[in-house]
Amino acid sequence: MSWVLNEMRMPGNFGRWKRLLLGCCMLFFVVTATFPGGSDSLACVAYAHVGSALYQVSSAFDVVVTKSNSTSPNYRLAAEISTVPPANVTWLVNNIALTTTFTTLDAADNYSTAVTKTLQIQVKNTVPAQVLTETITFLATAN
């Protein structure tokens, strides 16, 4: 049995998380692929170099899954991206790279408990300036 996530919460000031749209089961994120140097950390978005040839934009969000009509003690959480990203661009959740097939993020999360995740987009410095868009679908499956 599977459920669609029915609640996602972002800590901090949602208005400062520019170009982010949250859906019931999908997260849509747009980031412009240019990095002028240095680093920046807003209240809910971190933007920094990772090594000398890569930069990363990241932000935390909460996942809360509730259940009904089930005796399942917990659920498995997985995620997938909708399209293959450009070369040298990687979308991750908690340092787990996402692909166009569901990838398990957690094997046994508790229902009705906020589980904090971190969305990361890593881009090599050689990627030309462009707008990156992606839809991330989360799947919660009863154990």
C-alpha atoms as a PDB file:
ATOM      1  CA  MET A   1       0.000   0.000   0.000  1.00  0.00           C
ATOM      2  CA  SER A   2       1.358   3.471  -0.857  1.00  0.00           C
ATOM      3  CA  TRP A   3       0.403   6.973   0.216  1.00  0.00           C
ATOM      4  CA  VAL A   4       1.117  10.348  -1.250  1.00  0.00           C
ATOM      5  CA  LEU A   5       2.739  12.756   1.173  1.00  0.00           C
ATOM      6  CA  ASN A   6       0.035  15.025   2.522  1.00  0.00           C
ATOM      7  CA  GLU A   7       2.154  17.643   4.226  1.00  0.00           C
ATOM      8  CA  MET A   8       5.540  19.271   3.699  1.00  0.00           C
ATOM      9  CA  ARG A   9       6.824  22.041   5.921  1.00  0.00           C
ATOM     10  CA  MET A  10       9.796  24.356   5.466  1.00  0.00           C
ATOM     11  CA  PRO A  11      11.439  25.899   8.489  1.00  0.00           C
ATOM     12  CA  GLY A  12      12.195  29.612   8.384  1.00  0.00           C
ATOM     13  CA  ASN A  13      10.744  32.351   6.227  1.00  0.00           C
ATOM     14  CA  PHE A  14       9.144  30.753   3.152  1.00  0.00           C
ATOM     15  CA  GLY A  15       9.192  34.102   1.328  1.00  0.00           C
ATOM     16  CA  ARG A  16      12.990  34.094   1.313  1.00  0.00           C
ATOM     17  CA  TRP A  17      13.123  30.699  -0.423  1.00  0.00           C
ATOM     18  CA  LYS A  18      12.890  32.192  -3.886  1.00  0.00           C
ATOM     19  CA  ARG A  19      11.467  30.258  -6.794  1.00  0.00           C
ATOM     20  CA  LEU A  20      10.361  27.292  -4.696  1.00  0.00           C
ATOM     21  CA  LEU A  21       6.938  25.767  -5.063  1.00  0.00           C
ATOM     22  CA  LEU A  22       5.823  22.959  -2.778  1.00  0.00           C
ATOM     23  CA  GLY A  23       3.163  20.485  -3.773  1.00  0.00           C
ATOM     24  CA  CYS A  24       1.481  17.622  -1.976  1.00  0.00           C
ATOM     25  CA  CYS A  25       3.782  15.014  -3.410  1.00  0.00           C
ATOM     26  CA  MET A  26       6.181  16.985  -5.547  1.00  0.00           C
ATOM     27  CA  LEU A  27       8.797  19.605  -4.979  1.00  0.00           C
ATOM     28  CA  PHE A  28       9.520  21.912  -7.919  1.00  0.00           C
ATOM     29  CA  PHE A  29      12.766  23.848  -7.734  1.00  0.00           C
ATOM     30  CA  VAL A  30      14.350  26.381 -10.072  1.00  0.00           C
ATOM     31  CA  VAL A  31      17.925  27.562  -9.702  1.00  0.00           C
ATOM     32  CA  THR A  32      20.026  29.692 -12.050  1.00  0.00           C
ATOM     33  CA  ALA A  33      23.321  27.958 -12.797  1.00  0.00           C
ATOM     34  CA  THR A  34      25.857  30.702 -12.176  1.00  0.00           C
ATOM     35  CA  PHE A  35      28.100  31.259  -9.177  1.00  0.00           C
ATOM     36  CA  PRO A  36      29.833  34.620  -8.791  1.00  0.00           C
ATOM     37  CA  GLY A  37      32.194  33.357  -6.070  1.00  0.00           C
ATOM     38  CA  GLY A  38      32.260  33.464  -2.310  1.00  0.00           C
ATOM     39  CA  SER A  39      29.359  31.964  -0.409  1.00  0.00           C
ATOM     40  CA  ASP A  40      25.992  32.990   0.952  1.00  0.00           C
ATOM     41  CA  SER A  41      23.741  31.512   3.615  1.00  0.00           C
ATOM     42  CA  LEU A  42      20.235  32.857   3.980  1.00  0.00           C
ATOM     43  CA  ALA A  43      17.960  31.736   6.799  1.00  0.00           C
ATOM     44  CA  CYS A  44      16.743  28.736   4.805  1.00  0.00           C
ATOM     45  CA  VAL A  45      19.070  28.470   1.785  1.00  0.00           C
ATOM     46  CA  ALA A  46      22.783  27.689   1.776  1.00  0.00           C
ATOM     47  CA  TYR A  47      24.836  28.568  -1.313  1.00  0.00           C
ATOM     48  CA  ALA A  48      28.542  27.675  -1.261  1.00  0.00           C
ATOM     49  CA  HIS A  49      31.504  26.096  -3.014  1.00  0.00           C
ATOM     50  CA  VAL A  50      32.083  22.393  -2.373  1.00  0.00           C
ATOM     51  CA  GLY A  51      35.738  21.932  -3.239  1.00  0.00           C
ATOM     52  CA  SER A  52      37.283  23.965  -6.020  1.00  0.00           C
ATOM     53  CA  ALA A  53      35.177  22.845  -8.989  1.00  0.00           C
ATOM     54  CA  LEU A  54      31.658  22.480  -7.598  1.00  0.00           C
ATOM     55  CA  TYR A  55      29.038  24.635  -5.928  1.00  0.00           C
ATOM     56  CA  GLN A  56      25.886  23.662  -4.107  1.00  0.00           C
ATOM     57  CA  VAL A  57      22.526  25.224  -3.295  1.00  0.00           C
ATOM     58  CA  SER A  58      20.727  23.483  -0.435  1.00  0.00           C
ATOM     59  CA  SER A  59      17.815  23.879   1.925  1.00  0.00           C
ATOM     60  CA  ALA A  60      16.126  21.832   4.636  1.00  0.00           C
ATOM     61  CA  PHE A  61      12.474  20.793   4.538  1.00  0.00           C
ATOM     62  CA  ASP A  62      10.280  18.525   6.654  1.00  0.00           C
ATOM     63  CA  VAL A  63       8.330  15.491   5.487  1.00  0.00           C
ATOM     64  CA  VAL A  64       5.293  14.384   7.528  1.00  0.00           C
ATOM     65  CA  VAL A  65       3.335  11.287   6.485  1.00  0.00           C
ATOM     66  CA  THR A  66       0.090  10.332   8.197  1.00  0.00           C
ATOM     67  CA  LYS A  67      -1.801   7.061   7.876  1.00  0.00           C
ATOM     68  CA  SER A  68      -5.356   5.804   8.065  1.00  0.00           C
ATOM     69  CA  ASN A  69      -6.889   2.345   7.787  1.00  0.00           C
ATOM     70  CA  SER A  70      -3.541   0.636   8.213  1.00  0.00           C
ATOM     71  CA  THR A  71      -1.721  -1.276  10.937  1.00  0.00           C
ATOM     72  CA  SER A  72       1.674  -0.482   9.443  1.00  0.00           C
ATOM     73  CA  PRO A  73       4.110   0.675  12.151  1.00  0.00           C
ATOM     74  CA  ASN A  74       6.148   2.861   9.788  1.00  0.00           C
ATOM     75  CA  TYR A  75       6.843   3.651   6.137  1.00  0.00           C
ATOM     76  CA  ARG A  76       9.634   3.619   3.562  1.00  0.00           C
ATOM     77  CA  LEU A  77      10.389   6.956   1.875  1.00  0.00           C
ATOM     78  CA  ALA A  78      11.688   7.193  -1.683  1.00  0.00           C
ATOM     79  CA  ALA A  79      12.123   9.992  -4.221  1.00  0.00           C
ATOM     80  CA  GLU A  80      12.699  10.432  -7.939  1.00  0.00           C
ATOM     81  CA  ILE A  81      13.352  13.324 -10.306  1.00  0.00           C
ATOM     82  CA  SER A  82      11.211  13.785 -13.404  1.00  0.00           C
ATOM     83  CA  THR A  83      13.944  14.332 -15.995  1.00  0.00           C
ATOM     84  CA  VAL A  84      17.631  13.627 -16.405  1.00  0.00           C
ATOM     85  CA  PRO A  85      19.540  16.775 -15.384  1.00  0.00           C
ATOM     86  CA  PRO A  86      22.131  18.417 -17.635  1.00  0.00           C
ATOM     87  CA  ALA A  87      25.675  17.038 -17.541  1.00  0.00           C
ATOM     88  CA  ASN A  88      27.567  17.909 -14.335  1.00  0.00           C
ATOM     89  CA  VAL A  89      24.388  18.740 -12.387  1.00  0.00           C
ATOM     90  CA  THR A  90      23.257  16.463  -9.539  1.00  0.00           C
ATOM     91  CA  TRP A  91      20.061  16.637  -7.466  1.00  0.00           C
ATOM     92  CA  LEU A  92      20.330  15.060  -4.017  1.00  0.00           C
ATOM     93  CA  VAL A  93      18.326  14.578  -0.846  1.00  0.00           C
ATOM     94  CA  ASN A  94      20.476  14.062   2.263  1.00  0.00           C
ATOM     95  CA  ASN A  95      23.536  13.366   0.086  1.00  0.00           C
ATOM     96  CA  ILE A  96      21.694  10.634  -1.863  1.00  0.00           C
ATOM     97  CA  ALA A  97      21.746  11.295  -5.600  1.00  0.00           C
ATOM     98  CA  LEU A  98      18.304  11.201  -7.242  1.00  0.00           C
ATOM     99  CA  THR A  99      17.579   9.568 -10.586  1.00  0.00           C
ATOM    100  CA  THR A 100      14.491   9.106 -12.742  1.00  0.00           C
ATOM    101  CA  THR A 101      13.625   5.932 -10.816  1.00  0.00           C
ATOM    102  CA  PHE A 102      12.625   5.875  -7.158  1.00  0.00           C
ATOM    103  CA  THR A 103      15.597   5.835  -4.801  1.00  0.00           C
ATOM    104  CA  THR A 104      15.061   4.849  -1.165  1.00  0.00           C
ATOM    105  CA  LEU A 105      15.829   7.668   1.251  1.00  0.00           C
ATOM    106  CA  ASP A 106      14.716   5.966   4.501  1.00  0.00           C
ATOM    107  CA  ALA A 107      13.711   2.382   5.277  1.00  0.00           C
ATOM    108  CA  ALA A 108      11.520   2.961   8.342  1.00  0.00           C
ATOM    109  CA  ASP A 109      10.258   6.455   9.204  1.00  0.00           C
ATOM    110  CA  ASN A 110       7.545   6.952  11.832  1.00  0.00           C
ATOM    111  CA  TYR A 111       4.128   8.262  10.859  1.00  0.00           C
ATOM    112  CA  SER A 112       3.036  11.752  11.981  1.00  0.00           C
ATOM    113  CA  THR A 113       6.600  12.718  12.844  1.00  0.00           C
ATOM    114  CA  ALA A 114       8.447  15.469  11.004  1.00  0.00           C
ATOM    115  CA  VAL A 115      11.508  14.039   9.266  1.00  0.00           C
ATOM    116  CA  THR A 116      13.917  16.780   8.203  1.00  0.00           C
ATOM    117  CA  LYS A 117      15.570  16.322   4.819  1.00  0.00           C
ATOM    118  CA  THR A 118      18.009  18.519   2.914  1.00  0.00           C
ATOM    119  CA  LEU A 119      17.547  19.165  -0.793  1.00  0.00           C
ATOM    120  CA  GLN A 120      20.848  19.800  -2.558  1.00  0.00           C
ATOM    121  CA  ILE A 121      21.664  20.810  -6.121  1.00  0.00           C
ATOM    122  CA  GLN A 122      25.335  20.409  -7.018  1.00  0.00           C
ATOM    123  CA  VAL A 123      26.669  22.084 -10.147  1.00  0.00           C
ATOM    124  CA  LYS A 124      30.193  21.923 -11.552  1.00  0.00           C
ATOM    125  CA  ASN A 125      31.750  25.300 -12.348  1.00  0.00           C
ATOM    126  CA  THR A 126      31.989  24.301 -16.026  1.00  0.00           C
ATOM    127  CA  VAL A 127      28.197  24.185 -16.496  1.00  0.00           C
ATOM    128  CA  PRO A 128      27.100  27.173 -18.611  1.00  0.00           C
ATOM    129  CA  ALA A 129      24.644  29.645 -17.103  1.00  0.00           C
ATOM    130  CA  GLN A 130      21.091  28.305 -17.450  1.00  0.00           C
ATOM    131  CA  VAL A 131      17.877  27.826 -15.527  1.00  0.00           C
ATOM    132  CA  LEU A 132      17.645  24.412 -13.883  1.00  0.00           C
ATOM    133  CA  THR A 133      14.169  23.083 -13.162  1.00  0.00           C
ATOM    134  CA  GLU A 134      13.167  19.777 -11.663  1.00  0.00           C
ATOM    135  CA  THR A 135      10.132  18.084 -10.199  1.00  0.00           C
ATOM    136  CA  ILE A 136      10.850  15.721  -7.323  1.00  0.00           C
ATOM    137  CA  THR A 137       8.217  13.110  -6.475  1.00  0.00           C
ATOM    138  CA  PHE A 138       8.246  11.537  -3.020  1.00  0.00           C
ATOM    139  CA  LEU A 139       6.704   8.105  -2.380  1.00  0.00           C
ATOM    140  CA  ALA A 140       5.811   6.804   1.080  1.00  0.00           C
ATOM    141  CA  THR A 141       5.146   3.046   1.181  1.00  0.00           C
ATOM    142  CA  ALA A 142       3.801   1.223   4.253  1.00  0.00           C
ATOM    143  CA  ASN A 143       6.149  -1.362   5.757  1.00  0.00           C
END
